[in-house]
Protein backbone atom coordinates (compact mmCIF):
# COMPACT_ATOMS: atom_id res chain seq x y z
CA MET A 1 130.13 22.74 123.85
CA LYS A 2 130.13 20.05 121.18
CA ILE A 3 127.17 19.68 118.84
CA ASP A 4 126.24 16.27 120.23
CA THR A 5 126.34 17.73 123.76
CA PHE A 6 123.99 20.54 122.69
CA ILE A 7 121.51 17.99 121.37
CA LYS A 8 121.62 16.07 124.66
CA GLU A 9 121.47 19.13 126.92
CA TYR A 10 118.67 21.18 125.33
CA ASP A 11 115.04 20.13 125.12
CA LEU A 12 113.74 21.83 121.97
CA HIS A 13 110.17 20.50 122.20
CA ASP A 14 107.66 23.36 121.77
CA SER A 15 110.47 25.82 120.99
CA LEU A 16 110.10 28.05 117.94
CA MET A 17 112.70 28.62 115.24
CA GLU A 18 112.69 32.34 114.55
CA ASP A 19 115.54 32.48 112.02
CA ILE A 20 118.06 30.25 110.28
CA ASN A 21 121.08 31.46 108.36
CA ILE A 22 124.09 29.71 106.89
CA LYS A 23 127.20 31.39 105.54
CA SER A 24 130.36 29.49 104.68
CA GLU A 25 130.61 26.85 107.41
CA LYS A 26 128.65 28.78 110.06
CA LEU A 27 125.01 27.89 110.75
CA VAL A 28 123.11 30.34 112.97
CA LEU A 29 119.74 29.48 114.52
CA VAL A 30 117.65 31.95 116.49
CA ILE A 31 115.34 29.93 118.72
CA ASP A 32 112.54 31.05 120.99
CA LEU A 33 113.43 28.42 123.57
CA CYS A 34 110.81 26.82 125.76
CA ASN A 35 112.92 27.57 128.82
CA TRP A 36 110.62 25.89 131.36
CA ARG A 37 111.38 22.50 129.72
CA GLN A 38 115.13 22.79 130.40
CA LYS A 39 116.84 20.73 133.11
CA ASN A 40 118.15 23.72 135.04
CA TYR A 41 114.99 25.85 134.82
CA SER A 42 114.09 27.82 137.90
CA GLY A 43 110.64 29.34 138.50
CA GLU A 44 112.17 32.83 138.72
CA GLU A 45 113.27 32.65 135.08
CA ASP A 46 111.18 33.52 132.03
CA GLU A 47 109.30 30.51 130.65
CA MET A 48 110.42 31.38 127.11
CA LYS A 49 113.68 33.02 126.06
CA GLU A 50 115.36 33.74 122.77
CA ILE A 51 118.75 32.15 122.20
CA LYS A 52 121.13 32.33 119.28
CA VAL A 53 122.91 29.08 118.52
CA ILE A 54 125.98 29.16 116.30
CA PHE A 55 127.29 25.95 114.78
CA ASN A 56 130.81 26.32 113.37
CA ASN A 57 132.49 24.03 110.85
CA VAL A 58 129.16 22.84 109.42
CA GLN A 59 129.78 20.74 106.33
CA SER A 60 126.13 20.43 105.33
CA TYR A 61 122.64 20.82 106.67
CA HIS A 62 119.17 19.87 105.55
CA LEU A 63 116.03 21.93 106.01
CA ASP A 64 112.69 20.27 105.20
CA SER A 65 110.95 23.25 103.65
CA THR A 66 109.69 24.19 100.23
CA ASN A 67 111.50 27.53 100.16
CA ASP A 68 114.64 26.72 102.22
CA THR A 69 113.53 28.93 105.11
CA GLY A 70 112.02 28.18 108.46
CA ASP A 71 109.26 29.93 110.31
CA SER A 72 107.60 29.76 113.70
CA ASP A 73 105.30 26.98 112.49
CA SER A 74 108.24 24.74 111.63
CA ILE A 75 108.96 21.73 113.83
CA LEU A 76 112.53 22.05 115.02
CA GLU A 77 114.52 18.85 115.08
CA ILE A 78 118.29 18.90 115.23
CA SER A 79 120.53 15.91 114.69
CA CYS A 80 124.11 15.37 113.64
CA SER A 81 125.97 12.55 112.01
CA ASP A 82 129.58 11.57 111.61
CA VAL A 83 130.72 13.79 114.47
CA ASP A 84 134.25 13.07 115.56
CA SER A 85 134.40 13.71 119.30
CA SER A 86 137.93 15.04 118.91
CA SER A 87 136.87 17.56 116.26
CA THR A 88 136.85 21.27 116.90
CA SER A 89 133.23 21.65 115.84
CA LYS A 90 131.50 23.54 118.59
CA VAL A 91 128.21 25.24 119.20
CA ASP A 92 127.99 28.63 120.87
CA CYS A 93 124.77 29.51 122.67
CA GLN A 94 124.14 33.20 123.18
CA HIS A 95 121.24 34.29 125.35
């Protein structure tokens, strides 16, 4: 899945960022996802679920925080710029 596809497919409103980590060109987000807001949500599923999102080939990122860390009170907003649709940058979602 491409980064821009991830942004279009997942509704992150009311989700909580549990952890953020960057090493080399790999950005890892652990998100307590508000599952009931997702397009394919079914009532049999948990309303919240933790997912790990891995962005590869990240050239830079910006975190609005005084100490360069996030917490559960942070508002999560993800955007990307200058994404070449033919690039190999992908996002892996692990549930």
